Amino acid sequence: MKIRQEVPSDAAAIEAVTVAAFENAAHTRHTEQFIVRALRESGALSVSLVAEDDSEVIGHVAVSPVTISDGSTGWFGLGPISVSPERQGGGVGTRLMECALSELRALGAVGCVVLGRPAYYSRFGFVAEPSLVLPGVRAENFQAVSFDGSLPSGTVAYHRAFAAEV
């Protein structure tokens, strides 16, 4: 398996992996594939990596800029992250996470937020930060990792693409 940058010809495979990964998930509106497409079309995919095995796309992670009400800059939101159902639990998501965070550091990012299960994302340094709020979600499920030790304080907003439904 290798992790590499998305190329234009990956779009259909990324969509298929994303749909399959979230098909049976209860915590979703099943719009992740539309979000990735809208992020791509708006030029807001700061990091877009695919996991590939035998020339087949088996996973994908998207990272895009977020805004924070205190005016902090250099923060990004990780997600969606998708792994083909038959490959889940085999380390693909872990490799995608590690590579995405490494890419963000290389870009000079200050930090990253994620909405998801604390038990999974804490392995990568994410912790719930009371100073950062994503409206409408449980505080323990919204987590952040700072790359320089500083933490902003305010309400976080993801790119408008996260409202995509088609």
N, C-alpha and C. Protein backbone atom coordinates (compact mmCIF):
# COMPACT_ATOMS: atom_id res chain seq x y z
N MET A 1 0.85 -1.18 0.00
CA MET A 1 0.00 0.00 0.00
C MET A 1 0.89 1.23 0.00
N LYS A 2 0.45 2.23 -0.76
CA LYS A 2 1.17 3.50 -0.73
C LYS A 2 0.16 4.64 -0.58
N ILE A 3 0.64 5.72 0.01
CA ILE A 3 -0.15 6.93 0.16
C ILE A 3 0.43 7.95 -0.80
N ARG A 4 -0.45 8.59 -1.57
CA ARG A 4 0.02 9.57 -2.55
C ARG A 4 -1.01 10.70 -2.68
N GLN A 5 -0.59 11.76 -3.35
CA GLN A 5 -1.48 12.88 -3.63
C GLN A 5 -2.58 12.44 -4.60
N GLU A 6 -3.75 12.98 -4.40
CA GLU A 6 -4.84 12.76 -5.36
C GLU A 6 -4.44 13.34 -6.71
N VAL A 7 -4.85 12.65 -7.78
CA VAL A 7 -4.73 13.19 -9.13
C VAL A 7 -6.13 13.25 -9.71
N PRO A 8 -6.36 14.07 -10.75
CA PRO A 8 -7.71 14.23 -11.29
C PRO A 8 -8.41 12.92 -11.64
N SER A 9 -7.70 11.95 -12.14
CA SER A 9 -8.33 10.69 -12.53
C SER A 9 -8.79 9.85 -11.34
N ASP A 10 -8.46 10.26 -10.11
CA ASP A 10 -8.89 9.55 -8.91
C ASP A 10 -10.31 9.90 -8.45
N ALA A 11 -10.89 10.95 -8.99
CA ALA A 11 -12.15 11.47 -8.46
C ALA A 11 -13.25 10.41 -8.34
N ALA A 12 -13.47 9.63 -9.36
CA ALA A 12 -14.55 8.62 -9.31
C ALA A 12 -14.25 7.54 -8.28
N ALA A 13 -13.00 7.10 -8.20
CA ALA A 13 -12.64 6.08 -7.22
C ALA A 13 -12.76 6.60 -5.80
N ILE A 14 -12.38 7.87 -5.59
CA ILE A 14 -12.52 8.48 -4.26
C ILE A 14 -13.98 8.54 -3.88
N GLU A 15 -14.84 8.93 -4.82
CA GLU A 15 -16.27 8.99 -4.54
C GLU A 15 -16.81 7.60 -4.17
N ALA A 16 -16.41 6.59 -4.90
CA ALA A 16 -16.88 5.23 -4.63
C ALA A 16 -16.42 4.75 -3.25
N VAL A 17 -15.17 4.99 -2.90
CA VAL A 17 -14.65 4.59 -1.59
C VAL A 17 -15.39 5.35 -0.49
N THR A 18 -15.64 6.61 -0.70
CA THR A 18 -16.32 7.43 0.31
C THR A 18 -17.74 6.95 0.53
N VAL A 19 -18.47 6.69 -0.53
CA VAL A 19 -19.84 6.18 -0.41
C VAL A 19 -19.83 4.85 0.35
N ALA A 20 -18.96 3.95 -0.04
CA ALA A 20 -18.90 2.62 0.59
C ALA A 20 -18.51 2.73 2.07
N ALA A 21 -17.57 3.59 2.38
CA ALA A 21 -17.08 3.72 3.75
C ALA A 21 -18.16 4.20 4.71
N PHE A 22 -19.04 5.05 4.24
CA PHE A 22 -20.06 5.64 5.11
C PHE A 22 -21.44 5.01 4.93
N GLU A 23 -21.55 4.03 4.07
CA GLU A 23 -22.85 3.43 3.75
C GLU A 23 -23.62 2.97 4.97
N ASN A 24 -22.98 2.31 5.90
CA ASN A 24 -23.66 1.77 7.07
C ASN A 24 -23.39 2.55 8.35
N ALA A 25 -22.82 3.73 8.21
CA ALA A 25 -22.52 4.55 9.38
C ALA A 25 -23.79 5.26 9.87
N ALA A 26 -24.00 5.22 11.16
CA ALA A 26 -25.21 5.82 11.73
C ALA A 26 -25.04 7.31 12.02
N HIS A 27 -23.83 7.77 12.09
CA HIS A 27 -23.54 9.14 12.52
C HIS A 27 -23.39 10.12 11.35
N THR A 28 -24.04 9.86 10.26
CA THR A 28 -23.81 10.66 9.06
C THR A 28 -25.11 10.96 8.32
N ARG A 29 -25.04 12.01 7.51
CA ARG A 29 -26.16 12.32 6.60
C ARG A 29 -25.89 11.72 5.22
N HIS A 30 -24.80 10.97 5.08
CA HIS A 30 -24.41 10.32 3.83
C HIS A 30 -24.17 11.32 2.71
N THR A 31 -23.53 12.43 3.06
CA THR A 31 -23.20 13.46 2.07
C THR A 31 -21.69 13.63 1.90
N GLU A 32 -20.90 12.75 2.49
CA GLU A 32 -19.45 12.91 2.47
C GLU A 32 -18.88 13.00 1.05
N GLN A 33 -19.39 12.19 0.14
CA GLN A 33 -18.90 12.24 -1.23
C GLN A 33 -19.19 13.57 -1.89
N PHE A 34 -20.33 14.18 -1.54
CA PHE A 34 -20.67 15.49 -2.09
C PHE A 34 -19.77 16.58 -1.50
N ILE A 35 -19.42 16.42 -0.24
CA ILE A 35 -18.53 17.37 0.42
C ILE A 35 -17.16 17.34 -0.25
N VAL A 36 -16.62 16.15 -0.46
CA VAL A 36 -15.30 16.04 -1.10
C VAL A 36 -15.35 16.66 -2.49
N ARG A 37 -16.38 16.36 -3.24
CA ARG A 37 -16.51 16.93 -4.59
C ARG A 37 -16.58 18.45 -4.54
N ALA A 38 -17.39 18.99 -3.63
CA ALA A 38 -17.53 20.45 -3.52
C ALA A 38 -16.23 21.10 -3.05
N LEU A 39 -15.51 20.46 -2.15
CA LEU A 39 -14.21 20.99 -1.74
C LEU A 39 -13.25 21.03 -2.92
N ARG A 40 -13.23 19.95 -3.70
CA ARG A 40 -12.36 19.88 -4.88
C ARG A 40 -12.73 20.97 -5.88
N GLU A 41 -14.02 21.08 -6.18
CA GLU A 41 -14.47 22.05 -7.18
C GLU A 41 -14.22 23.49 -6.77
N SER A 42 -14.21 23.76 -5.46
CA SER A 42 -13.97 25.12 -4.99
C SER A 42 -12.50 25.40 -4.73
N GLY A 43 -11.64 24.42 -4.97
CA GLY A 43 -10.22 24.61 -4.75
C GLY A 43 -9.83 24.65 -3.28
N ALA A 44 -10.66 24.07 -2.43
CA ALA A 44 -10.43 24.14 -0.98
C ALA A 44 -9.80 22.88 -0.39
N LEU A 45 -9.39 21.93 -1.23
CA LEU A 45 -8.71 20.75 -0.72
C LEU A 45 -7.24 21.09 -0.50
N SER A 46 -6.90 21.43 0.72
CA SER A 46 -5.51 21.78 1.03
C SER A 46 -4.63 20.54 0.99
N VAL A 47 -5.18 19.42 1.45
CA VAL A 47 -4.51 18.12 1.40
C VAL A 47 -5.56 17.12 0.94
N SER A 48 -5.20 16.32 -0.05
CA SER A 48 -6.10 15.28 -0.54
C SER A 48 -5.23 14.09 -0.91
N LEU A 49 -5.24 13.10 -0.02
CA LEU A 49 -4.37 11.93 -0.19
C LEU A 49 -5.20 10.68 -0.42
N VAL A 50 -4.69 9.80 -1.24
CA VAL A 50 -5.32 8.50 -1.44
C VAL A 50 -4.39 7.40 -0.96
N ALA A 51 -5.00 6.34 -0.46
CA ALA A 51 -4.28 5.11 -0.17
C ALA A 51 -4.56 4.20 -1.36
N GLU A 52 -3.50 3.64 -1.90
CA GLU A 52 -3.62 2.83 -3.09
C GLU A 52 -2.93 1.49 -2.85
N ASP A 53 -3.57 0.42 -3.28
CA ASP A 53 -2.99 -0.91 -3.20
C ASP A 53 -3.25 -1.62 -4.52
N ASP A 54 -2.20 -2.11 -5.15
CA ASP A 54 -2.32 -2.74 -6.47
C ASP A 54 -3.09 -1.87 -7.45
N SER A 55 -2.75 -0.59 -7.48
CA SER A 55 -3.35 0.40 -8.38
C SER A 55 -4.83 0.66 -8.11
N GLU A 56 -5.34 0.22 -6.96
CA GLU A 56 -6.73 0.46 -6.59
C GLU A 56 -6.79 1.43 -5.41
N VAL A 57 -7.64 2.45 -5.53
CA VAL A 57 -7.83 3.39 -4.44
C VAL A 57 -8.65 2.70 -3.35
N ILE A 58 -8.07 2.59 -2.15
CA ILE A 58 -8.74 1.92 -1.04
C ILE A 58 -9.02 2.86 0.13
N GLY A 59 -8.59 4.12 0.00
CA GLY A 59 -8.84 5.08 1.06
C GLY A 59 -8.56 6.49 0.59
N HIS A 60 -9.09 7.45 1.34
CA HIS A 60 -8.92 8.86 0.99
C HIS A 60 -9.08 9.71 2.24
N VAL A 61 -8.33 10.79 2.30
CA VAL A 61 -8.50 11.78 3.37
C VAL A 61 -8.48 13.17 2.74
N ALA A 62 -9.40 14.00 3.21
CA ALA A 62 -9.50 15.39 2.76
C ALA A 62 -9.20 16.31 3.93
N VAL A 63 -8.49 17.39 3.65
CA VAL A 63 -8.21 18.42 4.64
C VAL A 63 -8.45 19.77 3.99
N SER A 64 -9.18 20.63 4.70
CA SER A 64 -9.52 21.94 4.16
C SER A 64 -9.39 23.00 5.26
N PRO A 65 -9.26 24.26 4.86
CA PRO A 65 -9.13 25.32 5.86
C PRO A 65 -10.42 25.51 6.65
N VAL A 66 -10.26 25.90 7.91
CA VAL A 66 -11.41 26.30 8.73
C VAL A 66 -11.18 27.74 9.17
N THR A 67 -12.27 28.38 9.55
CA THR A 67 -12.15 29.71 10.15
C THR A 67 -12.52 29.61 11.62
N ILE A 68 -11.90 30.48 12.39
CA ILE A 68 -12.14 30.52 13.84
C ILE A 68 -12.52 31.95 14.19
N SER A 69 -13.56 32.09 14.99
CA SER A 69 -14.14 33.40 15.26
C SER A 69 -13.17 34.38 15.91
N ASP A 70 -12.09 33.91 16.52
CA ASP A 70 -11.13 34.85 17.12
C ASP A 70 -10.13 35.38 16.09
N GLY A 71 -10.27 34.95 14.82
CA GLY A 71 -9.40 35.44 13.76
C GLY A 71 -8.12 34.65 13.58
N SER A 72 -7.94 33.59 14.36
CA SER A 72 -6.74 32.75 14.20
C SER A 72 -6.66 32.21 12.79
N THR A 73 -5.46 32.11 12.27
CA THR A 73 -5.25 31.57 10.93
C THR A 73 -4.34 30.35 11.01
N GLY A 74 -4.27 29.63 9.91
CA GLY A 74 -3.39 28.47 9.83
C GLY A 74 -3.99 27.20 10.39
N TRP A 75 -5.31 27.18 10.59
CA TRP A 75 -6.00 26.00 11.12
C TRP A 75 -6.78 25.32 10.00
N PHE A 76 -6.84 24.00 10.10
CA PHE A 76 -7.48 23.19 9.07
C PHE A 76 -8.41 22.17 9.72
N GLY A 77 -9.35 21.67 8.92
CA GLY A 77 -10.25 20.62 9.36
C GLY A 77 -9.96 19.35 8.58
N LEU A 78 -9.80 18.26 9.30
CA LEU A 78 -9.55 16.97 8.66
C LEU A 78 -10.87 16.24 8.50
N GLY A 79 -11.11 15.78 7.28
CA GLY A 79 -12.30 15.00 7.02
C GLY A 79 -13.02 15.48 5.77
N PRO A 80 -13.75 14.60 5.18
CA PRO A 80 -13.91 13.21 5.59
C PRO A 80 -12.67 12.36 5.31
N ILE A 81 -12.57 11.29 6.09
CA ILE A 81 -11.57 10.27 5.87
C ILE A 81 -12.33 8.98 5.61
N SER A 82 -11.96 8.27 4.56
CA SER A 82 -12.72 7.10 4.11
C SER A 82 -11.78 5.94 3.80
N VAL A 83 -12.18 4.75 4.19
CA VAL A 83 -11.45 3.54 3.87
C VAL A 83 -12.46 2.50 3.38
N SER A 84 -12.14 1.81 2.31
CA SER A 84 -13.02 0.75 1.80
C SER A 84 -13.38 -0.19 2.94
N PRO A 85 -14.66 -0.56 3.06
CA PRO A 85 -15.09 -1.40 4.19
C PRO A 85 -14.26 -2.66 4.38
N GLU A 86 -13.89 -3.32 3.29
CA GLU A 86 -13.11 -4.56 3.42
C GLU A 86 -11.68 -4.32 3.89
N ARG A 87 -11.23 -3.06 3.90
CA ARG A 87 -9.87 -2.73 4.34
C ARG A 87 -9.85 -2.00 5.69
N GLN A 88 -11.02 -1.72 6.25
CA GLN A 88 -11.08 -1.04 7.54
C GLN A 88 -10.49 -1.94 8.62
N GLY A 89 -9.81 -1.32 9.57
CA GLY A 89 -9.20 -2.06 10.66
C GLY A 89 -7.83 -2.62 10.32
N GLY A 90 -7.32 -2.32 9.14
CA GLY A 90 -6.04 -2.87 8.72
C GLY A 90 -4.92 -1.85 8.65
N GLY A 91 -5.13 -0.68 9.21
CA GLY A 91 -4.07 0.33 9.25
C GLY A 91 -4.11 1.36 8.14
N VAL A 92 -5.04 1.25 7.21
CA VAL A 92 -5.12 2.21 6.11
C VAL A 92 -5.46 3.60 6.64
N GLY A 93 -6.47 3.69 7.50
CA GLY A 93 -6.85 4.98 8.07
C GLY A 93 -5.74 5.60 8.89
N THR A 94 -5.02 4.78 9.63
CA THR A 94 -3.90 5.27 10.43
C THR A 94 -2.84 5.90 9.54
N ARG A 95 -2.49 5.21 8.46
CA ARG A 95 -1.49 5.76 7.53
C ARG A 95 -1.98 7.05 6.88
N LEU A 96 -3.25 7.09 6.50
CA LEU A 96 -3.79 8.31 5.91
C LEU A 96 -3.72 9.46 6.90
N MET A 97 -4.10 9.19 8.16
CA MET A 97 -4.05 10.23 9.20
C MET A 97 -2.63 10.74 9.39
N GLU A 98 -1.69 9.83 9.55
CA GLU A 98 -0.30 10.23 9.79
C GLU A 98 0.24 11.07 8.63
N CYS A 99 -0.05 10.65 7.43
CA CYS A 99 0.44 11.38 6.26
C CYS A 99 -0.24 12.74 6.12
N ALA A 100 -1.53 12.80 6.38
CA ALA A 100 -2.24 14.09 6.29
C ALA A 100 -1.69 15.08 7.31
N LEU A 101 -1.46 14.63 8.53
CA LEU A 101 -0.92 15.53 9.56
C LEU A 101 0.50 15.95 9.22
N SER A 102 1.27 15.05 8.66
CA SER A 102 2.62 15.39 8.22
C SER A 102 2.59 16.43 7.11
N GLU A 103 1.67 16.27 6.17
CA GLU A 103 1.52 17.25 5.08
C GLU A 103 1.15 18.62 5.63
N LEU A 104 0.24 18.64 6.61
CA LEU A 104 -0.15 19.92 7.21
C LEU A 104 1.04 20.60 7.88
N ARG A 105 1.81 19.85 8.62
CA ARG A 105 3.01 20.43 9.25
C ARG A 105 3.95 20.99 8.19
N ALA A 106 4.14 20.26 7.10
CA ALA A 106 5.02 20.71 6.03
C ALA A 106 4.50 21.99 5.37
N LEU A 107 3.18 22.17 5.36
CA LEU A 107 2.57 23.38 4.80
C LEU A 107 2.65 24.57 5.75
N GLY A 108 3.11 24.32 6.97
CA GLY A 108 3.19 25.39 7.97
C GLY A 108 1.92 25.62 8.74
N ALA A 109 1.03 24.65 8.74
CA ALA A 109 -0.23 24.79 9.49
C ALA A 109 0.06 24.95 10.97
N VAL A 110 -0.82 25.67 11.64
CA VAL A 110 -0.72 25.87 13.09
C VAL A 110 -1.38 24.71 13.83
N GLY A 111 -2.49 24.21 13.26
CA GLY A 111 -3.19 23.10 13.90
C GLY A 111 -4.31 22.57 13.04
N CYS A 112 -4.99 21.57 13.60
CA CYS A 112 -6.03 20.87 12.86
C CYS A 112 -7.15 20.47 13.81
N VAL A 113 -8.37 20.52 13.33
CA VAL A 113 -9.53 20.06 14.09
C VAL A 113 -10.16 18.88 13.36
N VAL A 114 -10.91 18.09 14.13
CA VAL A 114 -11.60 16.95 13.56
C VAL A 114 -12.86 16.68 14.37
N LEU A 115 -13.89 16.23 13.68
CA LEU A 115 -15.13 15.80 14.33
C LEU A 115 -15.18 14.30 14.22
N GLY A 116 -15.18 13.62 15.36
CA GLY A 116 -15.19 12.16 15.31
C GLY A 116 -14.99 11.53 16.67
N ARG A 117 -14.79 10.23 16.66
CA ARG A 117 -14.67 9.45 17.89
C ARG A 117 -13.36 9.76 18.62
N PRO A 118 -13.44 10.23 19.85
CA PRO A 118 -12.22 10.53 20.62
C PRO A 118 -11.27 9.34 20.75
N ALA A 119 -11.80 8.15 20.91
CA ALA A 119 -10.95 6.97 21.08
C ALA A 119 -10.07 6.74 19.86
N TYR A 120 -10.55 7.08 18.68
CA TYR A 120 -9.75 6.91 17.47
C TYR A 120 -8.76 8.06 17.30
N TYR A 121 -9.26 9.30 17.33
CA TYR A 121 -8.42 10.44 16.99
C TYR A 121 -7.42 10.83 18.07
N SER A 122 -7.64 10.41 19.30
CA SER A 122 -6.68 10.73 20.36
C SER A 122 -5.33 10.08 20.09
N ARG A 123 -5.31 8.99 19.35
CA ARG A 123 -4.05 8.32 18.99
C ARG A 123 -3.12 9.23 18.20
N PHE A 124 -3.67 10.25 17.58
CA PHE A 124 -2.89 11.15 16.73
C PHE A 124 -2.65 12.50 17.41
N GLY A 125 -2.97 12.58 18.69
CA GLY A 125 -2.73 13.80 19.45
C GLY A 125 -3.92 14.72 19.58
N PHE A 126 -5.06 14.34 19.01
CA PHE A 126 -6.25 15.17 19.10
C PHE A 126 -6.86 15.07 20.49
N VAL A 127 -7.29 16.19 21.03
CA VAL A 127 -8.00 16.24 22.31
C VAL A 127 -9.15 17.23 22.20
N ALA A 128 -10.18 16.99 22.98
CA ALA A 128 -11.28 17.95 23.04
C ALA A 128 -10.75 19.22 23.71
N GLU A 129 -10.97 20.34 23.09
CA GLU A 129 -10.50 21.63 23.60
C GLU A 129 -11.70 22.52 23.89
N PRO A 130 -11.98 22.79 25.16
CA PRO A 130 -13.14 23.61 25.51
C PRO A 130 -13.14 24.99 24.86
N SER A 131 -11.96 25.47 24.47
CA SER A 131 -11.88 26.81 23.88
C SER A 131 -12.31 26.84 22.41
N LEU A 132 -12.47 25.66 21.81
CA LEU A 132 -12.91 25.57 20.42
C LEU A 132 -14.27 24.90 20.36
N VAL A 133 -15.19 25.54 19.68
CA VAL A 133 -16.56 25.06 19.64
C VAL A 133 -17.01 24.89 18.20
N LEU A 134 -17.63 23.76 17.93
CA LEU A 134 -18.31 23.55 16.65
C LEU A 134 -19.79 23.46 16.99
N PRO A 135 -20.57 24.47 16.61
CA PRO A 135 -21.99 24.51 17.00
C PRO A 135 -22.74 23.24 16.59
N GLY A 136 -23.57 22.76 17.50
CA GLY A 136 -24.44 21.63 17.21
C GLY A 136 -23.83 20.27 17.42
N VAL A 137 -22.59 20.19 17.92
CA VAL A 137 -22.00 18.88 18.16
C VAL A 137 -21.55 18.76 19.62
N ARG A 138 -21.50 17.53 20.09
CA ARG A 138 -21.05 17.27 21.45
C ARG A 138 -19.58 17.66 21.57
N ALA A 139 -19.25 18.40 22.61
CA ALA A 139 -17.90 18.94 22.79
C ALA A 139 -16.83 17.85 22.76
N GLU A 140 -17.10 16.68 23.33
CA GLU A 140 -16.07 15.64 23.38
C GLU A 140 -15.76 15.05 22.00
N ASN A 141 -16.66 15.24 21.04
CA ASN A 141 -16.44 14.72 19.70
C ASN A 141 -15.74 15.70 18.76
N PHE A 142 -15.55 16.93 19.22
CA PHE A 142 -14.85 17.93 18.42
C PHE A 142 -13.48 18.14 19.06
N GLN A 143 -12.44 17.79 18.30
CA GLN A 143 -11.11 17.74 18.87
C GLN A 143 -10.12 18.53 18.03
N ALA A 144 -9.00 18.86 18.67
CA ALA A 144 -7.98 19.64 17.99
C ALA A 144 -6.59 19.13 18.35
N VAL A 145 -5.66 19.39 17.45
CA VAL A 145 -4.25 19.17 17.72
C VAL A 145 -3.52 20.43 17.25
N SER A 146 -2.69 20.96 18.13
CA SER A 146 -1.89 22.14 17.80
C SER A 146 -0.48 21.69 17.44
N PHE A 147 0.06 22.25 16.38
CA PHE A 147 1.41 21.90 15.96
C PHE A 147 2.46 22.80 16.58
N ASP A 148 2.03 23.94 17.13
CA ASP A 148 3.01 24.86 17.73
C ASP A 148 2.73 25.14 19.22
N GLY A 149 1.76 24.43 19.78
CA GLY A 149 1.45 24.60 21.20
C GLY A 149 0.44 25.69 21.51
N SER A 150 0.09 26.51 20.53
CA SER A 150 -0.89 27.57 20.76
C SER A 150 -2.29 27.06 20.43
N LEU A 151 -3.26 27.57 21.14
CA LEU A 151 -4.66 27.20 20.88
C LEU A 151 -5.51 28.44 20.73
N PRO A 152 -6.27 28.51 19.66
CA PRO A 152 -7.20 29.62 19.51
C PRO A 152 -8.40 29.41 20.43
N SER A 153 -9.26 30.39 20.44
CA SER A 153 -10.46 30.31 21.26
C SER A 153 -11.62 30.90 20.46
N GLY A 154 -12.63 30.07 20.19
CA GLY A 154 -13.76 30.59 19.45
C GLY A 154 -14.56 29.51 18.77
N THR A 155 -15.46 29.96 17.94
CA THR A 155 -16.32 29.07 17.18
C THR A 155 -15.64 28.75 15.85
N VAL A 156 -15.62 27.47 15.52
CA VAL A 156 -14.99 26.99 14.29
C VAL A 156 -16.06 26.83 13.21
N ALA A 157 -15.71 27.22 12.00
CA ALA A 157 -16.60 27.02 10.85
C ALA A 157 -15.82 26.32 9.75
N TYR A 158 -16.38 25.23 9.27
CA TYR A 158 -15.81 24.51 8.13
C TYR A 158 -16.17 25.24 6.84
N HIS A 159 -15.51 24.91 5.77
CA HIS A 159 -15.77 25.47 4.45
C HIS A 159 -17.23 25.25 4.07
N ARG A 160 -17.77 26.13 3.28
CA ARG A 160 -19.18 26.05 2.86
C ARG A 160 -19.50 24.74 2.13
N ALA A 161 -18.48 24.08 1.60
CA ALA A 161 -18.69 22.79 0.92
C ALA A 161 -19.28 21.74 1.85
N PHE A 162 -19.13 21.90 3.15
CA PHE A 162 -19.67 20.92 4.08
C PHE A 162 -21.19 20.95 4.14
N ALA A 163 -21.80 21.91 3.47
CA ALA A 163 -23.25 21.95 3.36
C ALA A 163 -23.75 21.26 2.08
N ALA A 164 -22.82 20.77 1.27
CA ALA A 164 -23.20 20.13 -0.01
C ALA A 164 -24.06 18.90 0.23
N GLU A 165 -25.09 18.77 -0.58
CA GLU A 165 -25.99 17.61 -0.45
C GLU A 165 -26.20 16.90 -1.77
N VAL A 166 -25.59 17.37 -2.82
CA VAL A 166 -25.61 16.68 -4.13
C VAL A 166 -24.32 16.94 -4.86
